[in-house]
Protein backbone atom coordinates (compact mmCIF):
# COMPACT_ATOMS: atom_id res chain seq x y z
CA MET A 1 77.06 116.99 100.12
CA LEU A 2 80.43 115.05 100.86
CA SER A 3 80.97 114.73 104.41
CA LEU A 4 84.88 114.64 105.24
CA PRO A 5 85.98 112.04 107.67
CA GLU A 6 88.87 113.45 110.45
CA ASP A 7 92.03 113.01 108.90
CA GLU A 8 95.06 114.66 110.30
CA ASN A 9 96.75 114.93 106.82
CA ARG A 10 93.64 116.37 105.49
CA VAL A 11 94.07 120.11 105.82
CA ALA A 12 92.73 122.78 103.32
CA ASP A 13 94.38 126.11 102.18
CA ALA A 14 92.94 129.44 103.16
CA ASN A 15 90.30 129.21 100.08
CA GLY A 16 89.32 125.40 101.00
CA TRP A 17 91.20 123.43 98.65
CA TYR A 18 93.13 120.18 99.60
CA PRO A 19 96.13 118.15 98.67
CA ILE A 20 94.71 116.07 95.54
CA ASP A 21 96.16 112.75 97.35
CA THR A 22 93.80 113.33 100.20
CA ALA A 23 90.87 113.45 98.05
CA PRO A 24 87.92 110.67 98.32
CA LYS A 25 88.21 107.71 95.75
CA ASP A 26 84.93 106.17 96.31
CA GLY A 27 83.33 107.61 92.95
CA SER A 28 82.00 111.07 95.12
CA TRP A 29 81.90 114.08 92.89
CA VAL A 30 84.42 116.74 93.74
CA TRP A 31 85.79 119.79 91.97
CA VAL A 32 89.41 119.73 91.05
CA THR A 33 92.07 122.23 89.61
CA GLU A 34 95.63 122.07 89.19
CA ASP A 35 98.45 124.32 90.71
CA SER A 36 97.93 127.65 89.00
CA GLY A 37 94.26 127.56 89.17
CA THR A 38 93.59 128.00 85.21
CA TRP A 39 90.83 125.36 85.42
CA MET A 40 88.25 123.52 87.46
CA ASP A 41 86.12 120.86 86.75
CA MET A 42 83.84 118.54 88.46
CA VAL A 43 85.19 115.00 88.49
CA ARG A 44 85.05 111.64 90.49
CA TRP A 45 87.69 108.95 90.55
CA ARG A 46 86.99 106.13 88.61
CA ASN A 47 88.83 103.04 86.82
CA GLY A 48 92.12 104.45 88.50
CA HIS A 49 91.90 108.11 87.30
CA TRP A 50 90.15 111.39 87.96
CA SER A 51 87.51 111.73 85.05
CA ASN A 52 84.38 114.11 84.36
CA PHE A 53 81.13 113.79 82.94
CA GLN A 54 82.31 113.46 79.43
CA MET A 55 84.97 110.70 80.53
CA SER A 56 88.03 113.19 80.09
CA VAL A 57 90.89 112.27 81.94
CA PHE A 58 92.66 114.69 84.50
CA HIS A 59 96.31 113.81 85.05
CA ASP A 60 97.50 117.17 86.30
CA ALA A 61 94.83 117.92 89.16
CA SER A 62 96.63 119.03 92.48
CA HIS A 63 93.96 120.21 94.74
CA TRP A 64 90.15 118.91 95.37
CA ARG A 65 87.41 120.45 97.42
CA PRO A 66 83.69 119.30 98.12
CA LEU A 67 81.10 120.21 95.94
CA PRO A 68 78.78 122.54 97.75
CA GLN A 69 75.31 121.88 98.60
CA PRO A 70 72.28 122.73 96.04
CA PRO A 71 70.33 125.78 96.72
CA ILE A 72 67.42 125.79 98.84
CA THR A 73 64.27 126.55 96.99
CA GLU A 74 60.76 126.07 97.17
CA SER A 75 60.48 123.31 94.93
CA ARG A 76 63.33 121.86 96.94
CA GLU A 77 61.70 121.88 99.89
CA ASN A 78 58.26 120.49 98.39
CA ALA A 79 59.83 117.62 96.90
CA ARG A 80 61.55 117.02 100.59
CA GLU A 81 58.17 117.40 101.99
CA LEU A 82 56.48 115.07 99.41
CA PHE A 83 59.10 112.23 99.70
CA SER A 84 59.36 112.48 103.69
CA GLY A 85 55.61 111.72 103.97
CA ARG A 86 54.92 114.98 105.50
CA ARG A 87 52.22 115.80 102.95
């Protein structure tokens, strides 16, 4: 999950959305939406614009939020143990 550095200009609204101008532009995947909230997509900053997996460009994104952590499942825990050498 994306960890947010402290930034006095990065203030989320009540639902956890941040203004798009505070979004990371380091290639991290984030959720974006526009003012009316009629669409959302997972995108990253690439080649000077926000784009998704299909390389669609989003010029009207107004807000963003970090992706959540994946669910904790038994198979995920088993993989963590396997790769950490605890098995």
